[in-house]
Amino acid sequence: MAPNDVLAVLARADASSRLPSLGGMARAGGVVIATDRFWAYAGADGSVSEGVMPGRAGRFRSVPLLRGLVRLGSSLAPLARGRGVASGRERVFLGVAVVAPLLLFLLPRGLQLPAGVAVSVALVLWMLRGRTLRLHGAEHRAIAAVEERRLVDTWTGSARPTRFAARCGTNFAALALPVTLAAERLSPLPAVAVLTPVVVALISLALTMELWVLVQASERRLARALLVPGLALQRLTTREPRLDDTRLALVAAATVLRRELAS
């Protein structure tokens, strides 16, 4: 999109009383912005890719735990389907990183923890390479600009919405750790069963998603306090974006909002 076209969409969005909730994902060379229906990726090389988010099967929408796993899976759709968002090698690496923790039970018990730590460190380093830290902050700033209806001012640089976000995946990860530890200790499943680690891991992720949604919807201070560790971690996983970083995220946001406003 040309800058004038981007500004036109941003101005329409600023004037709109109803806009969908946005999420996003920072990459080393660009930013993904998504709604429940559409996604767009703006690359630092000037490229823009866009697509449709996978529909969430109706029969899972009201099923506790299952709906959370479906939601997690659908959030990775731009990486799996989008052209230019991730290379073939990156998709293979991501697939291995996601599946590996579920297969650690195949290793001797003495190697499970070191292997799990190694996979986690490798995944974090891969996710935070290059410009990712600044673009992560830019992604949050663009989403905040949508929510505050300050998109045009953010594009020009006269407004600088927060680079921290309550819906960030960092917050999810911060919640997932204690939930997983509790699930492992309280699980009634036999520890010697081969698939127990896999089942516990999936249940932990599903429980975390249910908790995450409840916390975000709650206005109570006690519930919102559960987001504090994740927000603190974002000081490590984000950096203050430059204006060109923020504009890159806003291009992705404008691409998605153009489709939402048209429909």
C-alpha atoms as a PDB file:
ATOM      1  CA  MET A   1       0.000   0.000   0.000  1.00  0.00           C
ATOM      2  CA  ALA A   2       1.203   3.496  -0.815  1.00  0.00           C
ATOM      3  CA  PRO A   3       1.649   5.844   2.177  1.00  0.00           C
ATOM      4  CA  ASN A   4      -1.382   7.928   1.146  1.00  0.00           C
ATOM      5  CA  ASP A   5      -3.520   4.788   0.924  1.00  0.00           C
ATOM      6  CA  VAL A   6      -2.301   3.663   4.345  1.00  0.00           C
ATOM      7  CA  LEU A   7      -3.122   7.056   5.854  1.00  0.00           C
ATOM      8  CA  ALA A   8      -6.587   6.991   4.290  1.00  0.00           C
ATOM      9  CA  VAL A   9      -7.355   3.629   5.902  1.00  0.00           C
ATOM     10  CA  LEU A  10      -5.916   4.732   9.238  1.00  0.00           C
ATOM     11  CA  ALA A  11      -8.066   7.877   9.169  1.00  0.00           C
ATOM     12  CA  ARG A  12     -11.193   5.801   8.448  1.00  0.00           C
ATOM     13  CA  ALA A  13     -10.305   3.482  11.309  1.00  0.00           C
ATOM     14  CA  ASP A  14      -9.774   6.420  13.678  1.00  0.00           C
ATOM     15  CA  ALA A  15     -13.282   7.618  12.842  1.00  0.00           C
ATOM     16  CA  SER A  16     -14.882   4.187  13.211  1.00  0.00           C
ATOM     17  CA  SER A  17     -16.834   3.441  16.375  1.00  0.00           C
ATOM     18  CA  ARG A  18     -16.464  -0.320  15.981  1.00  0.00           C
ATOM     19  CA  LEU A  19     -13.249  -2.096  15.131  1.00  0.00           C
ATOM     20  CA  PRO A  20     -12.309  -5.737  15.727  1.00  0.00           C
ATOM     21  CA  SER A  21      -9.813  -6.827  18.327  1.00  0.00           C
ATOM     22  CA  LEU A  22      -6.311  -7.162  16.876  1.00  0.00           C
ATOM     23  CA  GLY A  23      -3.433  -9.453  17.690  1.00  0.00           C
ATOM     24  CA  GLY A  24      -0.014  -9.744  16.172  1.00  0.00           C
ATOM     25  CA  MET A  25       3.364 -11.359  15.864  1.00  0.00           C
ATOM     26  CA  ALA A  26       6.777  -9.793  15.363  1.00  0.00           C
ATOM     27  CA  ARG A  27       9.252 -11.403  13.002  1.00  0.00           C
ATOM     28  CA  ALA A  28      12.892 -10.601  12.346  1.00  0.00           C
ATOM     29  CA  GLY A  29      11.982  -8.896   9.079  1.00  0.00           C
ATOM     30  CA  GLY A  30       8.397  -7.760   9.529  1.00  0.00           C
ATOM     31  CA  VAL A  31       5.190  -7.670  11.524  1.00  0.00           C
ATOM     32  CA  VAL A  32       2.008  -9.750  11.385  1.00  0.00           C
ATOM     33  CA  ILE A  33      -1.279  -8.132  12.441  1.00  0.00           C
ATOM     34  CA  ALA A  34      -4.427 -10.250  12.592  1.00  0.00           C
ATOM     35  CA  THR A  35      -8.092 -10.219  13.493  1.00  0.00           C
ATOM     36  CA  ASP A  36     -10.289 -13.289  13.894  1.00  0.00           C
ATOM     37  CA  ARG A  37     -10.925 -13.215  10.126  1.00  0.00           C
ATOM     38  CA  PHE A  38      -7.896 -11.746   8.365  1.00  0.00           C
ATOM     39  CA  TRP A  39      -4.148 -11.398   8.732  1.00  0.00           C
ATOM     40  CA  ALA A  40      -1.494  -9.287   7.032  1.00  0.00           C
ATOM     41  CA  TYR A  41       2.286  -9.301   7.079  1.00  0.00           C
ATOM     42  CA  ALA A  42       4.303  -6.189   6.279  1.00  0.00           C
ATOM     43  CA  GLY A  43       7.938  -6.924   5.502  1.00  0.00           C
ATOM     44  CA  ALA A  44      10.866  -4.584   5.980  1.00  0.00           C
ATOM     45  CA  ASP A  45      11.638  -5.116   2.278  1.00  0.00           C
ATOM     46  CA  GLY A  46       8.379  -3.373   1.355  1.00  0.00           C
ATOM     47  CA  SER A  47       6.418  -6.541   0.674  1.00  0.00           C
ATOM     48  CA  VAL A  48       2.907  -7.093   2.016  1.00  0.00           C
ATOM     49  CA  SER A  49       1.246 -10.501   2.306  1.00  0.00           C
ATOM     50  CA  GLU A  50      -2.283 -11.104   3.469  1.00  0.00           C
ATOM     51  CA  GLY A  51      -4.653 -13.980   3.999  1.00  0.00           C
ATOM     52  CA  VAL A  52      -7.672 -15.375   5.787  1.00  0.00           C
ATOM     53  CA  MET A  53      -7.495 -16.812   9.279  1.00  0.00           C
ATOM     54  CA  PRO A  54      -8.705 -20.411   9.597  1.00  0.00           C
ATOM     55  CA  GLY A  55     -12.266 -20.710  10.816  1.00  0.00           C
ATOM     56  CA  ARG A  56     -12.652 -22.130  14.275  1.00  0.00           C
ATOM     57  CA  ALA A  57     -14.922 -25.134  14.082  1.00  0.00           C
ATOM     58  CA  GLY A  58     -18.265 -24.295  15.648  1.00  0.00           C
ATOM     59  CA  ARG A  59     -18.396 -27.508  17.639  1.00  0.00           C
ATOM     60  CA  PHE A  60     -15.248 -26.466  19.512  1.00  0.00           C
ATOM     61  CA  ARG A  61     -16.266 -22.883  20.307  1.00  0.00           C
ATOM     62  CA  SER A  62     -18.163 -23.847  23.449  1.00  0.00           C
ATOM     63  CA  VAL A  63     -16.028 -26.806  24.553  1.00  0.00           C
ATOM     64  CA  PRO A  64     -13.752 -25.798  27.434  1.00  0.00           C
ATOM     65  CA  LEU A  65     -10.058 -26.663  26.983  1.00  0.00           C
ATOM     66  CA  LEU A  66     -10.503 -27.773  23.358  1.00  0.00           C
ATOM     67  CA  ARG A  67     -11.408 -24.243  22.288  1.00  0.00           C
ATOM     68  CA  GLY A  68      -8.164 -22.979  23.791  1.00  0.00           C
ATOM     69  CA  LEU A  69      -6.032 -25.466  21.864  1.00  0.00           C
ATOM     70  CA  VAL A  70      -7.859 -24.601  18.642  1.00  0.00           C
ATOM     71  CA  ARG A  71      -7.262 -20.927  19.280  1.00  0.00           C
ATOM     72  CA  LEU A  72      -3.561 -21.525  19.863  1.00  0.00           C
ATOM     73  CA  GLY A  73      -3.276 -23.510  16.661  1.00  0.00           C
ATOM     74  CA  SER A  74      -5.090 -20.909  14.575  1.00  0.00           C
ATOM     75  CA  SER A  75      -2.811 -18.137  15.861  1.00  0.00           C
ATOM     76  CA  LEU A  76       0.095 -19.775  14.015  1.00  0.00           C
ATOM     77  CA  ALA A  77      -1.746 -19.778  10.669  1.00  0.00           C
ATOM     78  CA  PRO A  78       0.203 -16.840   9.164  1.00  0.00           C
ATOM     79  CA  LEU A  79       3.492 -18.650   9.820  1.00  0.00           C
ATOM     80  CA  ALA A  80       2.228 -21.895   8.334  1.00  0.00           C
ATOM     81  CA  ARG A  81       0.350 -20.484   5.352  1.00  0.00           C
ATOM     82  CA  GLY A  82       1.639 -17.030   4.600  1.00  0.00           C
ATOM     83  CA  ARG A  83       4.013 -16.423   1.739  1.00  0.00           C
ATOM     84  CA  GLY A  84       7.009 -14.394   2.813  1.00  0.00           C
ATOM     85  CA  VAL A  85       6.149 -14.623   6.517  1.00  0.00           C
ATOM     86  CA  ALA A  86       8.410 -17.612   7.171  1.00  0.00           C
ATOM     87  CA  SER A  87      10.727 -19.606   4.937  1.00  0.00           C
ATOM     88  CA  GLY A  88      10.455 -23.348   4.519  1.00  0.00           C
ATOM     89  CA  ARG A  89      13.376 -23.910   6.877  1.00  0.00           C
ATOM     90  CA  GLU A  90      11.812 -21.657   9.496  1.00  0.00           C
ATOM     91  CA  ARG A  91       8.545 -23.563   9.313  1.00  0.00           C
ATOM     92  CA  VAL A  92      10.388 -26.843   9.808  1.00  0.00           C
ATOM     93  CA  PHE A  93      12.280 -25.382  12.765  1.00  0.00           C
ATOM     94  CA  LEU A  94       9.075 -24.041  14.312  1.00  0.00           C
ATOM     95  CA  GLY A  95       7.354 -27.384  13.835  1.00  0.00           C
ATOM     96  CA  VAL A  96      10.227 -29.210  15.520  1.00  0.00           C
ATOM     97  CA  ALA A  97      10.309 -26.681  18.375  1.00  0.00           C
ATOM     98  CA  VAL A  98       6.570 -27.076  18.983  1.00  0.00           C
ATOM     99  CA  VAL A  99       6.561 -30.884  18.807  1.00  0.00           C
ATOM    100  CA  ALA A 100       9.858 -31.499  20.618  1.00  0.00           C
ATOM    101  CA  PRO A 101       8.590 -30.738  24.149  1.00  0.00           C
ATOM    102  CA  LEU A 102       5.826 -33.296  23.648  1.00  0.00           C
ATOM    103  CA  LEU A 103       8.389 -35.959  22.728  1.00  0.00           C
ATOM    104  CA  LEU A 104      10.840 -35.423  25.580  1.00  0.00           C
ATOM    105  CA  PHE A 105       9.362 -38.420  27.375  1.00  0.00           C
ATOM    106  CA  LEU A 106      11.198 -40.618  24.855  1.00  0.00           C
ATOM    107  CA  LEU A 107      14.539 -39.513  26.347  1.00  0.00           C
ATOM    108  CA  PRO A 108      16.088 -40.890  29.545  1.00  0.00           C
ATOM    109  CA  ARG A 109      14.809 -38.952  32.565  1.00  0.00           C
ATOM    110  CA  GLY A 110      18.237 -37.417  33.174  1.00  0.00           C
ATOM    111  CA  LEU A 111      18.210 -35.845  29.706  1.00  0.00           C
ATOM    112  CA  GLN A 112      14.638 -34.570  29.612  1.00  0.00           C
ATOM    113  CA  LEU A 113      15.233 -31.317  31.513  1.00  0.00           C
ATOM    114  CA  PRO A 114      18.475 -30.325  29.681  1.00  0.00           C
ATOM    115  CA  ALA A 115      16.854 -31.118  26.340  1.00  0.00           C
ATOM    116  CA  GLY A 116      13.754 -29.096  27.236  1.00  0.00           C
ATOM    117  CA  VAL A 117      15.872 -26.111  28.282  1.00  0.00           C
ATOM    118  CA  ALA A 118      17.933 -26.346  25.072  1.00  0.00           C
ATOM    119  CA  VAL A 119      14.813 -26.382  22.887  1.00  0.00           C
ATOM    120  CA  SER A 120      13.316 -23.433  24.785  1.00  0.00           C
ATOM    121  CA  VAL A 121      16.512 -21.363  24.516  1.00  0.00           C
ATOM    122  CA  ALA A 122      16.835 -22.125  20.811  1.00  0.00           C
ATOM    123  CA  LEU A 123      13.214 -21.107  20.200  1.00  0.00           C
ATOM    124  CA  VAL A 124      13.601 -17.837  22.129  1.00  0.00           C
ATOM    125  CA  LEU A 125      16.821 -16.938  20.293  1.00  0.00           C
ATOM    126  CA  TRP A 126      15.154 -17.694  16.973  1.00  0.00           C
ATOM    127  CA  MET A 127      12.111 -15.592  17.828  1.00  0.00           C
ATOM    128  CA  LEU A 128      14.074 -12.579  19.091  1.00  0.00           C
ATOM    129  CA  ARG A 129      16.751 -12.312  16.425  1.00  0.00           C
ATOM    130  CA  GLY A 130      17.376  -9.285  14.198  1.00  0.00           C
ATOM    131  CA  ARG A 131      14.917  -6.405  14.542  1.00  0.00           C
ATOM    132  CA  THR A 132      12.389  -8.571  16.351  1.00  0.00           C
ATOM    133  CA  LEU A 133      12.623  -6.788  19.705  1.00  0.00           C
ATOM    134  CA  ARG A 134      11.893  -3.371  18.190  1.00  0.00           C
ATOM    135  CA  LEU A 135       9.246  -4.758  15.861  1.00  0.00           C
ATOM    136  CA  HIS A 136       7.628  -6.516  18.820  1.00  0.00           C
ATOM    137  CA  GLY A 137       7.289  -3.126  20.489  1.00  0.00           C
ATOM    138  CA  ALA A 138       6.009  -1.657  17.214  1.00  0.00           C
ATOM    139  CA  GLU A 139       3.385  -4.390  16.931  1.00  0.00           C
ATOM    140  CA  HIS A 140       2.082  -3.541  20.409  1.00  0.00           C
ATOM    141  CA  ARG A 141       2.154   0.200  19.618  1.00  0.00           C
ATOM    142  CA  ALA A 142       0.130  -0.279  16.439  1.00  0.00           C
ATOM    143  CA  ILE A 143      -2.496  -2.364  18.251  1.00  0.00           C
ATOM    144  CA  ALA A 144      -2.700   0.212  21.056  1.00  0.00           C
ATOM    145  CA  ALA A 145      -3.116   2.943  18.440  1.00  0.00           C
ATOM    146  CA  VAL A 146      -6.095   1.060  17.012  1.00  0.00           C
ATOM    147  CA  GLU A 147      -7.689   0.715  20.435  1.00  0.00           C
ATOM    148  CA  GLU A 148      -7.103   4.382  21.264  1.00  0.00           C
ATOM    149  CA  ARG A 149      -8.090   5.618  17.768  1.00  0.00           C
ATOM    150  CA  ARG A 150      -4.775   7.414  17.370  1.00  0.00           C
ATOM    151  CA  LEU A 151      -3.567   5.689  14.235  1.00  0.00           C
ATOM    152  CA  VAL A 152      -2.851   8.776  12.139  1.00  0.00           C
ATOM    153  CA  ASP A 153      -1.071  10.534  15.010  1.00  0.00           C
ATOM    154  CA  THR A 154       0.984   7.382  15.623  1.00  0.00           C
ATOM    155  CA  TRP A 155       1.929   7.256  11.922  1.00  0.00           C
ATOM    156  CA  THR A 156       3.153  10.853  12.004  1.00  0.00           C
ATOM    157  CA  GLY A 157       4.969  10.287  15.291  1.00  0.00           C
ATOM    158  CA  SER A 158       2.979  12.853  17.290  1.00  0.00           C
ATOM    159  CA  ALA A 159       1.542  10.014  19.425  1.00  0.00           C
ATOM    160  CA  ARG A 160       3.433   7.121  20.956  1.00  0.00           C
ATOM    161  CA  PRO A 161       1.022   4.579  22.461  1.00  0.00           C
ATOM    162  CA  THR A 162       2.428   1.994  24.836  1.00  0.00           C
ATOM    163  CA  ARG A 163       4.751  -0.711  23.592  1.00  0.00           C
ATOM    164  CA  PHE A 164       3.384  -3.121  26.222  1.00  0.00           C
ATOM    165  CA  ALA A 165       0.280  -5.265  25.671  1.00  0.00           C
ATOM    166  CA  ALA A 166      -1.944  -7.321  27.943  1.00  0.00           C
ATOM    167  CA  ARG A 167      -2.705  -9.810  25.146  1.00  0.00           C
ATOM    168  CA  CYS A 168       0.934 -10.456  24.280  1.00  0.00           C
ATOM    169  CA  GLY A 169       2.119 -14.049  24.016  1.00  0.00           C
ATOM    170  CA  THR A 170       4.753 -13.197  26.643  1.00  0.00           C
ATOM    171  CA  ASN A 171       1.923 -12.895  29.162  1.00  0.00           C
ATOM    172  CA  PHE A 172       0.609 -16.276  28.062  1.00  0.00           C
ATOM    173  CA  ALA A 173       4.049 -17.848  28.536  1.00  0.00           C
ATOM    174  CA  ALA A 174       4.376 -16.295  32.002  1.00  0.00           C
ATOM    175  CA  LEU A 175       1.046 -17.851  32.996  1.00  0.00           C
ATOM    176  CA  ALA A 176       1.818 -21.189  31.336  1.00  0.00           C
ATOM    177  CA  LEU A 177       4.904 -21.866  33.460  1.00  0.00           C
ATOM    178  CA  PRO A 178       3.202 -22.015  36.898  1.00  0.00           C
ATOM    179  CA  VAL A 179       0.147 -23.746  35.425  1.00  0.00           C
ATOM    180  CA  THR A 180       2.366 -26.449  33.901  1.00  0.00           C
ATOM    181  CA  LEU A 181       4.322 -26.951  37.125  1.00  0.00           C
ATOM    182  CA  ALA A 182       1.073 -27.251  39.092  1.00  0.00           C
ATOM    183  CA  ALA A 183      -0.395 -29.673  36.568  1.00  0.00           C
ATOM    184  CA  GLU A 184       2.667 -31.906  36.733  1.00  0.00           C
ATOM    185  CA  ARG A 185       2.495 -32.067  40.531  1.00  0.00           C
ATOM    186  CA  LEU A 186      -1.270 -32.486  40.820  1.00  0.00           C
ATOM    187  CA  SER A 187      -1.884 -34.732  37.832  1.00  0.00           C
ATOM    188  CA  PRO A 188      -3.768 -37.939  38.779  1.00  0.00           C
ATOM    189  CA  LEU A 189      -2.309 -39.699  35.729  1.00  0.00           C
ATOM    190  CA  PRO A 190       0.309 -42.400  36.399  1.00  0.00           C
ATOM    191  CA  ALA A 191       3.805 -40.964  36.093  1.00  0.00           C
ATOM    192  CA  VAL A 192       5.071 -44.103  34.401  1.00  0.00           C
ATOM    193  CA  ALA A 193       2.540 -43.937  31.555  1.00  0.00           C
ATOM    194  CA  VAL A 194       4.257 -43.178  28.260  1.00  0.00           C
ATOM    195  CA  LEU A 195       1.818 -40.468  27.116  1.00  0.00           C
ATOM    196  CA  THR A 196       1.361 -38.773  30.495  1.00  0.00           C
ATOM    197  CA  PRO A 197       3.819 -35.892  29.739  1.00  0.00           C
ATOM    198  CA  VAL A 198       2.055 -35.211  26.444  1.00  0.00           C
ATOM    199  CA  VAL A 199      -1.392 -35.188  28.031  1.00  0.00           C
ATOM    200  CA  VAL A 200      -0.229 -32.984  30.906  1.00  0.00           C
ATOM    201  CA  ALA A 201       1.408 -30.536  28.489  1.00  0.00           C
ATOM    202  CA  LEU A 202      -1.740 -30.224  26.354  1.00  0.00           C
ATOM    203  CA  ILE A 203      -3.987 -29.839  29.395  1.00  0.00           C
ATOM    204  CA  SER A 204      -1.638 -27.189  30.801  1.00  0.00           C
ATOM    205  CA  LEU A 205      -1.764 -25.178  27.574  1.00  0.00           C
ATOM    206  CA  ALA A 206      -5.541 -25.467  27.419  1.00  0.00           C
ATOM    207  CA  LEU A 207      -5.940 -24.430  31.063  1.00  0.00           C
ATOM    208  CA  THR A 208      -3.593 -21.496  30.563  1.00  0.00           C
ATOM    209  CA  MET A 209      -5.631 -20.271  27.597  1.00  0.00           C
ATOM    210  CA  GLU A 210      -8.860 -20.467  29.618  1.00  0.00           C
ATOM    211  CA  LEU A 211      -7.205 -18.524  32.461  1.00  0.00           C
ATOM    212  CA  TRP A 212      -5.706 -16.008  30.055  1.00  0.00           C
ATOM    213  CA  VAL A 213      -9.064 -15.217  28.464  1.00  0.00           C
ATOM    214  CA  LEU A 214     -10.732 -14.846  31.862  1.00  0.00           C
ATOM    215  CA  VAL A 215      -8.004 -12.530  33.165  1.00  0.00           C
ATOM    216  CA  GLN A 216      -8.171 -10.294  30.101  1.00  0.00           C
ATOM    217  CA  ALA A 217     -11.950 -10.016  30.385  1.00  0.00           C
ATOM    218  CA  SER A 218     -11.886  -9.232  34.110  1.00  0.00           C
ATOM    219  CA  GLU A 219     -11.710  -5.710  35.523  1.00  0.00           C
ATOM    220  CA  ARG A 220     -10.775  -6.897  39.000  1.00  0.00           C
ATOM    221  CA  ARG A 221      -7.358  -5.863  40.227  1.00  0.00           C
ATOM    222  CA  LEU A 222      -6.565  -9.314  41.608  1.00  0.00           C
ATOM    223  CA  ALA A 223      -7.185 -10.933  38.237  1.00  0.00           C
ATOM    224  CA  ARG A 224      -5.271  -8.254  36.343  1.00  0.00           C
ATOM    225  CA  ALA A 225      -2.361  -8.746  38.747  1.00  0.00           C
ATOM    226  CA  LEU A 226      -1.762 -12.120  37.090  1.00  0.00           C
ATOM    227  CA  LEU A 227      -0.609 -10.221  34.000  1.00  0.00           C
ATOM    228  CA  VAL A 228       2.109  -8.344  35.886  1.00  0.00           C
ATOM    229  CA  PRO A 229       4.855 -11.003  35.410  1.00  0.00           C
ATOM    230  CA  GLY A 230       4.210 -11.089  31.650  1.00  0.00           C
ATOM    231  CA  LEU A 231       4.187  -7.311  31.368  1.00  0.00           C
ATOM    232  CA  ALA A 232       7.478  -7.231  33.272  1.00  0.00           C
ATOM    233  CA  LEU A 233       8.953  -9.791  30.878  1.00  0.00           C
ATOM    234  CA  GLN A 234       7.995  -7.558  27.959  1.00  0.00           C
ATOM    235  CA  ARG A 235      10.726  -5.183  29.078  1.00  0.00           C
ATOM    236  CA  LEU A 236      13.088  -7.922  27.894  1.00  0.00           C
ATOM    237  CA  THR A 237      11.144  -9.089  24.822  1.00  0.00           C
ATOM    238  CA  THR A 238      10.461  -5.600  23.419  1.00  0.00           C
ATOM    239  CA  ARG A 239      12.514  -2.509  22.705  1.00  0.00           C
ATOM    240  CA  GLU A 240      11.347   1.044  22.051  1.00  0.00           C
ATOM    241  CA  PRO A 241      10.545   1.045  18.309  1.00  0.00           C
ATOM    242  CA  ARG A 242      11.751   3.672  15.877  1.00  0.00           C
ATOM    243  CA  LEU A 243       9.195   5.495  13.757  1.00  0.00           C
ATOM    244  CA  ASP A 244       9.971   3.327  10.717  1.00  0.00           C
ATOM    245  CA  ASP A 245       9.390   0.207  12.850  1.00  0.00           C
ATOM    246  CA  THR A 246       6.027   1.574  13.992  1.00  0.00           C
ATOM    247  CA  ARG A 247       5.014   2.481  10.442  1.00  0.00           C
ATOM    248  CA  LEU A 248       5.827  -1.043   9.322  1.00  0.00           C
ATOM    249  CA  ALA A 249       3.413  -2.428  11.911  1.00  0.00           C
ATOM    250  CA  LEU A 250       0.820   0.188  10.919  1.00  0.00           C
ATOM    251  CA  VAL A 251       1.024  -0.923   7.279  1.00  0.00           C
ATOM    252  CA  ALA A 252       0.083  -4.440   8.390  1.00  0.00           C
ATOM    253  CA  ALA A 253      -2.698  -3.025  10.571  1.00  0.00           C
ATOM    254  CA  ALA A 254      -4.024  -0.882   7.726  1.00  0.00           C
ATOM    255  CA  THR A 255      -4.043  -3.864   5.363  1.00  0.00           C
ATOM    256  CA  VAL A 256      -6.174  -5.860   7.790  1.00  0.00           C
ATOM    257  CA  LEU A 257      -8.433  -2.935   8.731  1.00  0.00           C
ATOM    258  CA  ARG A 258      -9.101  -2.143   5.060  1.00  0.00           C
ATOM    259  CA  ARG A 259     -10.638  -5.609   4.658  1.00  0.00           C
ATOM    260  CA  GLU A 260     -12.546  -5.353   7.926  1.00  0.00           C
ATOM    261  CA  LEU A 261     -13.961  -1.930   7.079  1.00  0.00           C
ATOM    262  CA  ALA A 262     -14.924  -3.090   3.597  1.00  0.00           C
ATOM    263  CA  SER A 263     -16.920  -5.985   5.006  1.00  0.00           C
END
